[in-house]
Amino acid sequence: MKAKEIRSSEKTTLNDKLVELKKELVKMNAQIAVGTAIKSPGQVKKIKKTIARVITIQQERKSRAKEKLRGLVKKHE
């Protein structure tokens, strides 16, 4: 998933996608631990990067929301 796709999606969709990605990563890590050959080893790296992107964008949204609230509080003082 690219950053544009992640930014355009809604909060609930992002949370669902994050849970799905983490489950998939756990499955792949289990396969690696057991010694099973993975179809595409590069997939683990892609999943990790996508998880990081989703978390980063969620944090950006939280900080923007806090800034908006601070701006509203300052205007009313």
PDB file of N, CA and C in Angstrom:
ATOM      1  N   MET A   1       0.831  -1.178   0.000  1.00  0.00           N
ATOM      2  CA  MET A   1       0.000   0.000   0.000  1.00  0.00           C
ATOM      3  C   MET A   1       0.876   1.240   0.000  1.00  0.00           C
ATOM      4  N   LYS A   2       0.518   2.179  -0.802  1.00  0.00           N
ATOM      5  CA  LYS A   2       1.282   3.413  -0.861  1.00  0.00           C
ATOM      6  C   LYS A   2       0.707   4.438   0.103  1.00  0.00           C
ATOM      7  N   ALA A   3       1.505   5.450   0.398  1.00  0.00           N
ATOM      8  CA  ALA A   3       1.111   6.460   1.379  1.00  0.00           C
ATOM      9  C   ALA A   3      -0.158   7.196   0.941  1.00  0.00           C
ATOM     10  N   LYS A   4      -0.311   7.465  -0.341  1.00  0.00           N
ATOM     11  CA  LYS A   4      -1.513   8.155  -0.834  1.00  0.00           C
ATOM     12  C   LYS A   4      -2.765   7.331  -0.551  1.00  0.00           C
ATOM     13  N   GLU A   5      -2.666   6.041  -0.776  1.00  0.00           N
ATOM     14  CA  GLU A   5      -3.804   5.147  -0.524  1.00  0.00           C
ATOM     15  C   GLU A   5      -4.150   5.128   0.957  1.00  0.00           C
ATOM     16  N   ILE A   6      -3.132   5.114   1.792  1.00  0.00           N
ATOM     17  CA  ILE A   6      -3.351   5.068   3.235  1.00  0.00           C
ATOM     18  C   ILE A   6      -3.982   6.366   3.716  1.00  0.00           C
ATOM     19  N   ARG A   7      -3.473   7.496   3.221  1.00  0.00           N
ATOM     20  CA  ARG A   7      -4.018   8.795   3.644  1.00  0.00           C
ATOM     21  C   ARG A   7      -5.463   8.985   3.200  1.00  0.00           C
ATOM     22  N   SER A   8      -5.831   8.415   2.075  1.00  0.00           N
ATOM     23  CA  SER A   8      -7.187   8.598   1.571  1.00  0.00           C
ATOM     24  C   SER A   8      -8.198   7.670   2.253  1.00  0.00           C
ATOM     25  N   SER A   9      -7.735   6.673   2.963  1.00  0.00           N
ATOM     26  CA  SER A   9      -8.650   5.745   3.621  1.00  0.00           C
ATOM     27  C   SER A   9      -9.096   6.270   4.980  1.00  0.00           C
ATOM     28  N   GLU A  10     -10.192   5.723   5.464  1.00  0.00           N
ATOM     29  CA  GLU A  10     -10.773   6.167   6.726  1.00  0.00           C
ATOM     30  C   GLU A  10     -10.089   5.504   7.911  1.00  0.00           C
ATOM     31  N   LYS A  11     -10.391   6.022   9.097  1.00  0.00           N
ATOM     32  CA  LYS A  11      -9.759   5.555  10.327  1.00  0.00           C
ATOM     33  C   LYS A  11     -10.061   4.073  10.581  1.00  0.00           C
ATOM     34  N   THR A  12     -11.319   3.669  10.433  1.00  0.00           N
ATOM     35  CA  THR A  12     -11.687   2.277  10.706  1.00  0.00           C
ATOM     36  C   THR A  12     -11.039   1.330   9.701  1.00  0.00           C
ATOM     37  N   THR A  13     -10.971   1.764   8.460  1.00  0.00           N
ATOM     38  CA  THR A  13     -10.339   0.941   7.432  1.00  0.00           C
ATOM     39  C   THR A  13      -8.858   0.755   7.737  1.00  0.00           C
ATOM     40  N   LEU A  14      -8.225   1.827   8.195  1.00  0.00           N
ATOM     41  CA  LEU A  14      -6.802   1.738   8.539  1.00  0.00           C
ATOM     42  C   LEU A  14      -6.572   0.779   9.695  1.00  0.00           C
ATOM     43  N   ASN A  15      -7.419   0.866  10.706  1.00  0.00           N
ATOM     44  CA  ASN A  15      -7.277  -0.036  11.854  1.00  0.00           C
ATOM     45  C   ASN A  15      -7.434  -1.491  11.428  1.00  0.00           C
ATOM     46  N   ASP A  16      -8.416  -1.761  10.574  1.00  0.00           N
ATOM     47  CA  ASP A  16      -8.633  -3.125  10.082  1.00  0.00           C
ATOM     48  C   ASP A  16      -7.432  -3.611   9.270  1.00  0.00           C
ATOM     49  N   LYS A  17      -6.906  -2.744   8.425  1.00  0.00           N
ATOM     50  CA  LYS A  17      -5.762  -3.100   7.589  1.00  0.00           C
ATOM     51  C   LYS A  17      -4.534  -3.376   8.453  1.00  0.00           C
ATOM     52  N   LEU A  18      -4.365  -2.576   9.500  1.00  0.00           N
ATOM     53  CA  LEU A  18      -3.225  -2.756  10.391  1.00  0.00           C
ATOM     54  C   LEU A  18      -3.291  -4.110  11.105  1.00  0.00           C
ATOM     55  N   VAL A  19      -4.463  -4.472  11.579  1.00  0.00           N
ATOM     56  CA  VAL A  19      -4.648  -5.770  12.239  1.00  0.00           C
ATOM     57  C   VAL A  19      -4.360  -6.907  11.260  1.00  0.00           C
ATOM     58  N   GLU A  20      -4.865  -6.759  10.042  1.00  0.00           N
ATOM     59  CA  GLU A  20      -4.655  -7.785   9.018  1.00  0.00           C
ATOM     60  C   GLU A  20      -3.170  -7.947   8.696  1.00  0.00           C
ATOM     61  N   LEU A  21      -2.456  -6.836   8.556  1.00  0.00           N
ATOM     62  CA  LEU A  21      -1.034  -6.887   8.245  1.00  0.00           C
ATOM     63  C   LEU A  21      -0.233  -7.528   9.377  1.00  0.00           C
ATOM     64  N   LYS A  22      -0.594  -7.195  10.607  1.00  0.00           N
ATOM     65  CA  LYS A  22       0.118  -7.773  11.748  1.00  0.00           C
ATOM     66  C   LYS A  22      -0.106  -9.277  11.827  1.00  0.00           C
ATOM     67  N   LYS A  23      -1.327  -9.735  11.542  1.00  0.00           N
ATOM     68  CA  LYS A  23      -1.600 -11.174  11.541  1.00  0.00           C
ATOM     69  C   LYS A  23      -0.780 -11.874  10.466  1.00  0.00           C
ATOM     70  N   GLU A  24      -0.713 -11.254   9.291  1.00  0.00           N
ATOM     71  CA  GLU A  24       0.044 -11.837   8.192  1.00  0.00           C
ATOM     72  C   GLU A  24       1.532 -11.914   8.534  1.00  0.00           C
ATOM     73  N   LEU A  25       2.040 -10.882   9.207  1.00  0.00           N
ATOM     74  CA  LEU A  25       3.445 -10.868   9.607  1.00  0.00           C
ATOM     75  C   LEU A  25       3.723 -11.960  10.635  1.00  0.00           C
ATOM     76  N   VAL A  26       2.811 -12.169  11.557  1.00  0.00           N
ATOM     77  CA  VAL A  26       2.976 -13.227  12.557  1.00  0.00           C
ATOM     78  C   VAL A  26       3.026 -14.597  11.870  1.00  0.00           C
ATOM     79  N   LYS A  27       2.149 -14.809  10.891  1.00  0.00           N
ATOM     80  CA  LYS A  27       2.145 -16.080  10.151  1.00  0.00           C
ATOM     81  C   LYS A  27       3.484 -16.309   9.457  1.00  0.00           C
ATOM     82  N   MET A  28       3.977 -15.256   8.795  1.00  0.00           N
ATOM     83  CA  MET A  28       5.247 -15.397   8.073  1.00  0.00           C
ATOM     84  C   MET A  28       6.403 -15.644   9.038  1.00  0.00           C
ATOM     85  N   ASN A  29       6.408 -14.935  10.166  1.00  0.00           N
ATOM     86  CA  ASN A  29       7.473 -15.147  11.151  1.00  0.00           C
ATOM     87  C   ASN A  29       7.419 -16.558  11.721  1.00  0.00           C
ATOM     88  N   ALA A  30       6.218 -17.095  11.872  1.00  0.00           N
ATOM     89  CA  ALA A  30       6.077 -18.470  12.357  1.00  0.00           C
ATOM     90  C   ALA A  30       6.642 -19.454  11.325  1.00  0.00           C
ATOM     91  N   GLN A  31       6.374 -19.190  10.062  1.00  0.00           N
ATOM     92  CA  GLN A  31       6.911 -20.051   9.004  1.00  0.00           C
ATOM     93  C   GLN A  31       8.434 -20.011   9.002  1.00  0.00           C
ATOM     94  N   ILE A  32       8.984 -18.829   9.204  1.00  0.00           N
ATOM     95  CA  ILE A  32      10.441 -18.691   9.235  1.00  0.00           C
ATOM     96  C   ILE A  32      11.020 -19.447  10.424  1.00  0.00           C
ATOM     97  N   ALA A  33      10.365 -19.337  11.588  1.00  0.00           N
ATOM     98  CA  ALA A  33      10.853 -19.990  12.801  1.00  0.00           C
ATOM     99  C   ALA A  33      10.824 -21.511  12.673  1.00  0.00           C
ATOM    100  N   VAL A  34       9.797 -22.017  12.017  1.00  0.00           N
ATOM    101  CA  VAL A  34       9.670 -23.464  11.838  1.00  0.00           C
ATOM    102  C   VAL A  34      10.668 -23.967  10.802  1.00  0.00           C
ATOM    103  N   GLY A  35      11.027 -23.117   9.881  1.00  0.00           N
ATOM    104  CA  GLY A  35      11.974 -23.511   8.853  1.00  0.00           C
ATOM    105  C   GLY A  35      11.322 -23.770   7.517  1.00  0.00           C
ATOM    106  N   THR A  36      10.052 -23.454   7.402  1.00  0.00           N
ATOM    107  CA  THR A  36       9.338 -23.624   6.139  1.00  0.00           C
ATOM    108  C   THR A  36       9.806 -22.567   5.144  1.00  0.00           C
ATOM    109  N   ALA A  37       9.955 -22.968   3.906  1.00  0.00           N
ATOM    110  CA  ALA A  37      10.366 -22.027   2.872  1.00  0.00           C
ATOM    111  C   ALA A  37       9.205 -21.095   2.533  1.00  0.00           C
ATOM    112  N   ILE A  38       9.485 -19.812   2.528  1.00  0.00           N
ATOM    113  CA  ILE A  38       8.467 -18.811   2.205  1.00  0.00           C
ATOM    114  C   ILE A  38       8.468 -18.603   0.694  1.00  0.00           C
ATOM    115  N   LYS A  39       7.276 -18.357   0.132  1.00  0.00           N
ATOM    116  CA  LYS A  39       7.166 -18.158  -1.316  1.00  0.00           C
ATOM    117  C   LYS A  39       7.986 -16.956  -1.770  1.00  0.00           C
ATOM    118  N   SER A  40       7.831 -15.843  -1.056  1.00  0.00           N
ATOM    119  CA  SER A  40       8.611 -14.656  -1.419  1.00  0.00           C
ATOM    120  C   SER A  40       9.169 -14.003  -0.151  1.00  0.00           C
ATOM    121  N   PRO A  41      10.457 -14.146   0.086  1.00  0.00           N
ATOM    122  CA  PRO A  41      11.071 -13.595   1.287  1.00  0.00           C
ATOM    123  C   PRO A  41      10.972 -12.067   1.371  1.00  0.00           C
ATOM    124  N   GLY A  42      10.885 -11.401   0.242  1.00  0.00           N
ATOM    125  CA  GLY A  42      10.782  -9.947   0.228  1.00  0.00           C
ATOM    126  C   GLY A  42       9.453  -9.441   0.759  1.00  0.00           C
ATOM    127  N   GLN A  43       8.481 -10.331   0.843  1.00  0.00           N
ATOM    128  CA  GLN A  43       7.153  -9.951   1.317  1.00  0.00           C
ATOM    129  C   GLN A  43       7.188  -9.500   2.779  1.00  0.00           C
ATOM    130  N   VAL A  44       8.052 -10.092   3.585  1.00  0.00           N
ATOM    131  CA  VAL A  44       8.160  -9.725   5.002  1.00  0.00           C
ATOM    132  C   VAL A  44       8.560  -8.255   5.111  1.00  0.00           C
ATOM    133  N   LYS A  45       9.522  -7.852   4.327  1.00  0.00           N
ATOM    134  CA  LYS A  45       9.988  -6.469   4.343  1.00  0.00           C
ATOM    135  C   LYS A  45       8.873  -5.511   3.913  1.00  0.00           C
ATOM    136  N   LYS A  46       8.126  -5.889   2.885  1.00  0.00           N
ATOM    137  CA  LYS A  46       7.029  -5.044   2.409  1.00  0.00           C
ATOM    138  C   LYS A  46       5.950  -4.885   3.477  1.00  0.00           C
ATOM    139  N   ILE A  47       5.642  -5.966   4.163  1.00  0.00           N
ATOM    140  CA  ILE A  47       4.616  -5.918   5.206  1.00  0.00           C
ATOM    141  C   ILE A  47       5.070  -5.005   6.345  1.00  0.00           C
ATOM    142  N   LYS A  48       6.320  -5.141   6.747  1.00  0.00           N
ATOM    143  CA  LYS A  48       6.845  -4.294   7.826  1.00  0.00           C
ATOM    144  C   LYS A  48       6.797  -2.816   7.447  1.00  0.00           C
ATOM    145  N   LYS A  49       7.157  -2.503   6.209  1.00  0.00           N
ATOM    146  CA  LYS A  49       7.141  -1.113   5.758  1.00  0.00           C
ATOM    147  C   LYS A  49       5.718  -0.564   5.712  1.00  0.00           C
ATOM    148  N   THR A  50       4.780  -1.388   5.270  1.00  0.00           N
ATOM    149  CA  THR A  50       3.399  -0.946   5.206  1.00  0.00           C
ATOM    150  C   THR A  50       2.844  -0.704   6.607  1.00  0.00           C
ATOM    151  N   ILE A  51       3.176  -1.574   7.545  1.00  0.00           N
ATOM    152  CA  ILE A  51       2.749  -1.384   8.937  1.00  0.00           C
ATOM    153  C   ILE A  51       3.309  -0.061   9.463  1.00  0.00           C
ATOM    154  N   ALA A  52       4.564   0.209   9.186  1.00  0.00           N
ATOM    155  CA  ALA A  52       5.182   1.455   9.638  1.00  0.00           C
ATOM    156  C   ALA A  52       4.498   2.668   9.019  1.00  0.00           C
ATOM    157  N   ARG A  53       4.146   2.576   7.747  1.00  0.00           N
ATOM    158  CA  ARG A  53       3.445   3.684   7.085  1.00  0.00           C
ATOM    159  C   ARG A  53       2.095   3.959   7.731  1.00  0.00           C
ATOM    160  N   VAL A  54       1.351   2.896   7.977  1.00  0.00           N
ATOM    161  CA  VAL A  54       0.019   3.048   8.569  1.00  0.00           C
ATOM    162  C   VAL A  54       0.128   3.687   9.950  1.00  0.00           C
ATOM    163  N   ILE A  55       1.050   3.202  10.762  1.00  0.00           N
ATOM    164  CA  ILE A  55       1.218   3.746  12.112  1.00  0.00           C
ATOM    165  C   ILE A  55       1.656   5.210  12.049  1.00  0.00           C
ATOM    166  N   THR A  56       2.555   5.536  11.142  1.00  0.00           N
ATOM    167  CA  THR A  56       3.024   6.910  10.998  1.00  0.00           C
ATOM    168  C   THR A  56       1.887   7.849  10.617  1.00  0.00           C
ATOM    169  N   ILE A  57       1.072   7.444   9.679  1.00  0.00           N
ATOM    170  CA  ILE A  57      -0.043   8.286   9.235  1.00  0.00           C
ATOM    171  C   ILE A  57      -1.083   8.426  10.344  1.00  0.00           C
ATOM    172  N   GLN A  58      -1.299   7.374  11.116  1.00  0.00           N
ATOM    173  CA  GLN A  58      -2.220   7.477  12.249  1.00  0.00           C
ATOM    174  C   GLN A  58      -1.700   8.490  13.264  1.00  0.00           C
ATOM    175  N   GLN A  59      -0.395   8.478  13.525  1.00  0.00           N
ATOM    176  CA  GLN A  59       0.200   9.433  14.462  1.00  0.00           C
ATOM    177  C   GLN A  59       0.099  10.863  13.933  1.00  0.00           C
ATOM    178  N   GLU A  60       0.290  11.036  12.623  1.00  0.00           N
ATOM    179  CA  GLU A  60       0.149  12.362  12.015  1.00  0.00           C
ATOM    180  C   GLU A  60      -1.262  12.894  12.211  1.00  0.00           C
ATOM    181  N   ARG A  61      -2.236  12.039  12.005  1.00  0.00           N
ATOM    182  CA  ARG A  61      -3.625  12.453  12.171  1.00  0.00           C
ATOM    183  C   ARG A  61      -3.922  12.843  13.610  1.00  0.00           C
ATOM    184  N   LYS A  62      -3.372  12.100  14.559  1.00  0.00           N
ATOM    185  CA  LYS A  62      -3.576  12.424  15.971  1.00  0.00           C
ATOM    186  C   LYS A  62      -2.966  13.778  16.307  1.00  0.00           C
ATOM    187  N   SER A  63      -1.763  14.041  15.805  1.00  0.00           N
ATOM    188  CA  SER A  63      -1.102  15.308  16.123  1.00  0.00           C
ATOM    189  C   SER A  63      -1.837  16.478  15.479  1.00  0.00           C
ATOM    190  N   ARG A  64      -2.376  16.283  14.273  1.00  0.00           N
ATOM    191  CA  ARG A  64      -3.167  17.342  13.630  1.00  0.00           C
ATOM    192  C   ARG A  64      -4.427  17.645  14.422  1.00  0.00           C
ATOM    193  N   ALA A  65      -5.063  16.610  14.931  1.00  0.00           N
ATOM    194  CA  ALA A  65      -6.273  16.800  15.719  1.00  0.00           C
ATOM    195  C   ALA A  65      -5.959  17.576  16.996  1.00  0.00           C
ATOM    196  N   LYS A  66      -4.835  17.257  17.627  1.00  0.00           N
ATOM    197  CA  LYS A  66      -4.434  17.972  18.837  1.00  0.00           C
ATOM    198  C   LYS A  66      -4.140  19.435  18.528  1.00  0.00           C
ATOM    199  N   GLU A  67      -3.487  19.699  17.395  1.00  0.00           N
ATOM    200  CA  GLU A  67      -3.183  21.077  17.010  1.00  0.00           C
ATOM    201  C   GLU A  67      -4.458  21.869  16.767  1.00  0.00           C
ATOM    202  N   LYS A  68      -5.435  21.240  16.146  1.00  0.00           N
ATOM    203  CA  LYS A  68      -6.710  21.915  15.909  1.00  0.00           C
ATOM    204  C   LYS A  68      -7.386  22.264  17.224  1.00  0.00           C
ATOM    205  N   LEU A  69      -7.363  21.331  18.168  1.00  0.00           N
ATOM    206  CA  LEU A  69      -7.972  21.590  19.464  1.00  0.00           C
ATOM    207  C   LEU A  69      -7.249  22.718  20.192  1.00  0.00           C
ATOM    208  N   ARG A  70      -5.939  22.726  20.127  1.00  0.00           N
ATOM    209  CA  ARG A  70      -5.160  23.792  20.772  1.00  0.00           C
ATOM    210  C   ARG A  70      -5.496  25.138  20.159  1.00  0.00           C
ATOM    211  N   GLY A  71      -5.651  25.159  18.841  1.00  0.00           N
ATOM    212  CA  GLY A  71      -6.002  26.394  18.147  1.00  0.00           C
ATOM    213  C   GLY A  71      -7.367  26.900  18.566  1.00  0.00           C
ATOM    214  N   LEU A  72      -8.313  25.996  18.766  1.00  0.00           N
ATOM    215  CA  LEU A  72      -9.644  26.399  19.190  1.00  0.00           C
ATOM    216  C   LEU A  72      -9.632  26.919  20.615  1.00  0.00           C
ATOM    217  N   VAL A  73      -8.836  26.299  21.464  1.00  0.00           N
ATOM    218  CA  VAL A  73      -8.764  26.722  22.868  1.00  0.00           C
ATOM    219  C   VAL A  73      -8.139  28.120  22.942  1.00  0.00           C
ATOM    220  N   LYS A  74      -7.094  28.376  22.180  1.00  0.00           N
ATOM    221  CA  LYS A  74      -6.420  29.676  22.202  1.00  0.00           C
ATOM    222  C   LYS A  74      -7.337  30.788  21.707  1.00  0.00           C
ATOM    223  N   LYS A  75      -8.192  30.503  20.721  1.00  0.00           N
ATOM    224  CA  LYS A  75      -9.095  31.517  20.185  1.00  0.00           C
ATOM    225  C   LYS A  75     -10.133  31.939  21.227  1.00  0.00           C
ATOM    226  N   HIS A  76     -10.534  31.021  22.067  1.00  0.00           N
ATOM    227  CA  HIS A  76     -11.577  31.298  23.038  1.00  0.00           C
ATOM    228  C   HIS A  76     -11.056  31.951  24.315  1.00  0.00           C
ATOM    229  N   GLU A  77      -9.758  32.021  24.470  1.00  0.00           N
ATOM    230  CA  GLU A  77      -9.195  32.608  25.694  1.00  0.00           C
ATOM    231  C   GLU A  77      -9.202  34.104  25.652  1.00  0.00           C
TER     232      GLU A  77
END
